[in-house]
N, C-alpha and C. Protein backbone atom coordinates (compact mmCIF):
# COMPACT_ATOMS: atom_id res chain seq x y z
N MET A 1 47.07 -2.81 1.21
CA MET A 1 46.01 -1.87 1.50
C MET A 1 46.38 -1.05 2.72
N THR A 2 45.90 0.16 2.67
CA THR A 2 46.16 1.03 3.82
C THR A 2 44.94 1.03 4.72
N GLU A 3 45.11 1.69 5.86
CA GLU A 3 43.98 1.80 6.79
C GLU A 3 42.83 2.58 6.18
N GLN A 4 43.15 3.58 5.37
CA GLN A 4 42.13 4.41 4.73
C GLN A 4 41.30 3.57 3.74
N ASP A 5 41.95 2.68 2.99
CA ASP A 5 41.24 1.81 2.07
C ASP A 5 40.30 0.87 2.82
N ASP A 6 40.74 0.37 3.96
CA ASP A 6 39.87 -0.50 4.77
C ASP A 6 38.63 0.25 5.22
N GLY A 7 38.79 1.50 5.58
CA GLY A 7 37.65 2.32 6.00
C GLY A 7 36.68 2.56 4.86
N ARG A 8 37.22 2.82 3.67
CA ARG A 8 36.35 3.03 2.50
C ARG A 8 35.62 1.75 2.14
N ASN A 9 36.34 0.63 2.16
CA ASN A 9 35.70 -0.65 1.84
C ASN A 9 34.59 -0.97 2.83
N SER A 10 34.83 -0.70 4.07
CA SER A 10 33.82 -0.95 5.09
C SER A 10 32.61 -0.04 4.87
N PHE A 11 32.86 1.21 4.53
CA PHE A 11 31.77 2.16 4.28
C PHE A 11 30.94 1.71 3.08
N VAL A 12 31.60 1.37 1.99
CA VAL A 12 30.89 0.94 0.78
C VAL A 12 30.12 -0.34 1.04
N ARG A 13 30.70 -1.26 1.77
CA ARG A 13 30.01 -2.51 2.11
C ARG A 13 28.76 -2.20 2.94
N GLY A 14 28.88 -1.32 3.92
CA GLY A 14 27.74 -0.95 4.75
C GLY A 14 26.65 -0.26 3.96
N MET A 15 27.05 0.63 3.04
CA MET A 15 26.06 1.31 2.20
C MET A 15 25.34 0.31 1.29
N THR A 16 26.07 -0.64 0.76
CA THR A 16 25.48 -1.64 -0.12
C THR A 16 24.48 -2.51 0.64
N ILE A 17 24.88 -2.95 1.80
CA ILE A 17 23.98 -3.78 2.61
C ILE A 17 22.73 -2.97 3.00
N GLY A 18 22.93 -1.71 3.36
CA GLY A 18 21.79 -0.85 3.72
C GLY A 18 20.84 -0.64 2.55
N ALA A 19 21.41 -0.46 1.35
CA ALA A 19 20.57 -0.27 0.17
C ALA A 19 19.78 -1.53 -0.15
N ILE A 20 20.42 -2.67 -0.01
CA ILE A 20 19.72 -3.94 -0.28
C ILE A 20 18.59 -4.15 0.73
N ILE A 21 18.85 -3.91 2.00
CA ILE A 21 17.82 -4.08 3.02
C ILE A 21 16.68 -3.06 2.80
N GLY A 22 17.02 -1.83 2.45
CA GLY A 22 16.00 -0.83 2.16
C GLY A 22 15.12 -1.22 0.98
N ALA A 23 15.73 -1.77 -0.06
CA ALA A 23 14.97 -2.22 -1.22
C ALA A 23 14.05 -3.38 -0.86
N ILE A 24 14.51 -4.26 0.00
CA ILE A 24 13.68 -5.39 0.44
C ILE A 24 12.47 -4.89 1.23
N VAL A 25 12.69 -3.95 2.13
CA VAL A 25 11.60 -3.41 2.95
C VAL A 25 10.60 -2.67 2.06
N ALA A 26 11.09 -1.84 1.16
CA ALA A 26 10.19 -1.09 0.27
C ALA A 26 9.42 -2.04 -0.64
N GLY A 27 10.08 -3.03 -1.18
CA GLY A 27 9.40 -3.99 -2.05
C GLY A 27 8.35 -4.77 -1.30
N SER A 28 8.65 -5.15 -0.09
CA SER A 28 7.69 -5.89 0.73
C SER A 28 6.46 -5.03 1.01
N SER A 29 6.67 -3.77 1.31
CA SER A 29 5.56 -2.86 1.58
C SER A 29 4.68 -2.69 0.34
N LEU A 30 5.30 -2.49 -0.81
CA LEU A 30 4.54 -2.34 -2.05
C LEU A 30 3.78 -3.62 -2.38
N TRP A 31 4.41 -4.76 -2.17
CA TRP A 31 3.77 -6.04 -2.47
C TRP A 31 2.56 -6.25 -1.58
N SER A 32 2.69 -5.94 -0.29
CA SER A 32 1.55 -6.14 0.62
C SER A 32 0.42 -5.18 0.30
N ARG A 33 0.72 -3.96 -0.10
CA ARG A 33 -0.34 -3.02 -0.51
C ARG A 33 -1.06 -3.53 -1.74
N ARG A 34 -0.31 -4.06 -2.68
CA ARG A 34 -0.91 -4.56 -3.91
C ARG A 34 -1.82 -5.75 -3.61
N ARG A 35 -1.34 -6.68 -2.76
CA ARG A 35 -2.16 -7.84 -2.40
C ARG A 35 -3.41 -7.42 -1.65
N ARG A 36 -3.26 -6.47 -0.72
CA ARG A 36 -4.40 -5.99 0.05
C ARG A 36 -5.43 -5.33 -0.87
N GLY A 37 -4.95 -4.56 -1.84
CA GLY A 37 -5.85 -3.90 -2.79
C GLY A 37 -6.60 -4.89 -3.66
N ARG A 38 -5.95 -5.95 -4.07
CA ARG A 38 -6.62 -6.95 -4.90
C ARG A 38 -7.63 -7.75 -4.10
N GLN A 39 -7.41 -7.93 -2.82
CA GLN A 39 -8.36 -8.67 -1.99
C GLN A 39 -9.63 -7.88 -1.77
N GLN A 40 -9.57 -6.56 -1.83
CA GLN A 40 -10.72 -5.72 -1.57
C GLN A 40 -11.52 -5.38 -2.82
N GLU A 41 -11.00 -5.70 -4.01
CA GLU A 41 -11.70 -5.38 -5.25
C GLU A 41 -12.95 -6.24 -5.37
N PRO A 42 -14.08 -5.64 -5.74
CA PRO A 42 -15.29 -6.43 -5.94
C PRO A 42 -15.22 -7.19 -7.26
N GLU A 43 -15.98 -8.26 -7.35
CA GLU A 43 -16.03 -9.01 -8.59
C GLU A 43 -16.80 -8.21 -9.63
N PRO A 44 -16.40 -8.26 -10.89
CA PRO A 44 -17.11 -7.53 -11.94
C PRO A 44 -18.57 -7.98 -12.01
N GLY A 45 -19.47 -7.02 -12.12
CA GLY A 45 -20.89 -7.33 -12.21
C GLY A 45 -21.59 -7.42 -10.87
N SER A 46 -20.86 -7.41 -9.77
CA SER A 46 -21.50 -7.49 -8.46
C SER A 46 -22.08 -6.12 -8.10
N GLU A 47 -22.94 -6.10 -7.11
CA GLU A 47 -23.56 -4.84 -6.69
C GLU A 47 -22.52 -3.83 -6.24
N ALA A 48 -21.49 -4.30 -5.53
CA ALA A 48 -20.45 -3.40 -5.05
C ALA A 48 -19.69 -2.78 -6.21
N ALA A 49 -19.42 -3.55 -7.26
CA ALA A 49 -18.69 -3.03 -8.42
C ALA A 49 -19.55 -2.01 -9.16
N LEU A 50 -20.85 -2.27 -9.23
CA LEU A 50 -21.73 -1.34 -9.94
C LEU A 50 -21.98 -0.07 -9.14
N ALA A 51 -21.89 -0.14 -7.82
CA ALA A 51 -22.15 1.01 -6.97
C ALA A 51 -20.95 1.94 -6.87
N GLY A 52 -19.79 1.53 -7.26
CA GLY A 52 -18.60 2.37 -7.13
C GLY A 52 -17.59 1.65 -6.28
N SER A 53 -17.19 2.27 -5.20
CA SER A 53 -16.20 1.64 -4.33
C SER A 53 -16.89 0.65 -3.41
N PRO A 54 -16.17 -0.37 -2.95
CA PRO A 54 -16.77 -1.36 -2.05
C PRO A 54 -17.27 -0.74 -0.75
N ASP A 55 -16.61 0.29 -0.27
CA ASP A 55 -17.02 0.93 0.97
C ASP A 55 -18.37 1.61 0.82
N GLU A 56 -18.62 2.21 -0.34
CA GLU A 56 -19.89 2.88 -0.55
C GLU A 56 -21.05 1.89 -0.53
N ALA A 57 -20.83 0.70 -1.06
CA ALA A 57 -21.90 -0.29 -1.15
C ALA A 57 -22.22 -0.89 0.22
N LEU A 58 -21.29 -0.90 1.14
CA LEU A 58 -21.49 -1.57 2.41
C LEU A 58 -21.95 -0.64 3.52
N GLU A 59 -21.61 0.64 3.43
CA GLU A 59 -21.92 1.56 4.51
C GLU A 59 -23.21 2.33 4.22
N PRO A 60 -24.13 2.39 5.17
CA PRO A 60 -25.33 3.21 4.96
C PRO A 60 -24.96 4.69 5.04
N LEU A 61 -25.78 5.52 4.46
CA LEU A 61 -25.53 6.95 4.51
C LEU A 61 -25.68 7.46 5.92
N ALA A 62 -24.86 8.42 6.27
CA ALA A 62 -24.97 9.06 7.57
C ALA A 62 -26.24 9.90 7.58
N PRO A 63 -26.80 10.19 8.77
CA PRO A 63 -28.05 10.98 8.82
C PRO A 63 -27.96 12.30 8.06
N SER A 64 -26.81 12.94 8.07
CA SER A 64 -26.68 14.22 7.37
C SER A 64 -26.62 14.04 5.85
N GLU A 65 -26.30 12.83 5.37
CA GLU A 65 -26.19 12.59 3.94
C GLU A 65 -27.46 11.99 3.35
N GLN A 66 -28.40 11.57 4.20
CA GLN A 66 -29.63 10.95 3.69
C GLN A 66 -30.48 12.01 3.01
N GLU A 67 -31.23 11.54 2.02
CA GLU A 67 -32.11 12.47 1.32
C GLU A 67 -33.27 12.87 2.24
N PRO A 68 -33.64 14.14 2.21
CA PRO A 68 -34.76 14.57 3.06
C PRO A 68 -36.07 13.97 2.58
N ASP A 69 -36.97 13.78 3.53
CA ASP A 69 -38.29 13.27 3.16
C ASP A 69 -39.01 14.30 2.31
N SER A 70 -39.73 13.82 1.31
CA SER A 70 -40.46 14.75 0.43
C SER A 70 -41.90 14.85 0.91
N ARG A 71 -42.09 15.48 2.06
CA ARG A 71 -43.42 15.63 2.65
C ARG A 71 -44.02 16.94 2.28
């Protein structure tokens, strides 16, 4: 092997290791998002599921969003 081949091998090895580490980080991020999303889903038939998103069922309307009094 020549010095140039050693440099190419080192480069390819570094790129491969970088790609593997990048895939691990991306997969971990996707997995944690998926787990977090499943933990926040309401149970079917619950008030939160019937109301739409879980956030809508838990948060009261802001004063500007409340329906005006019908006086």
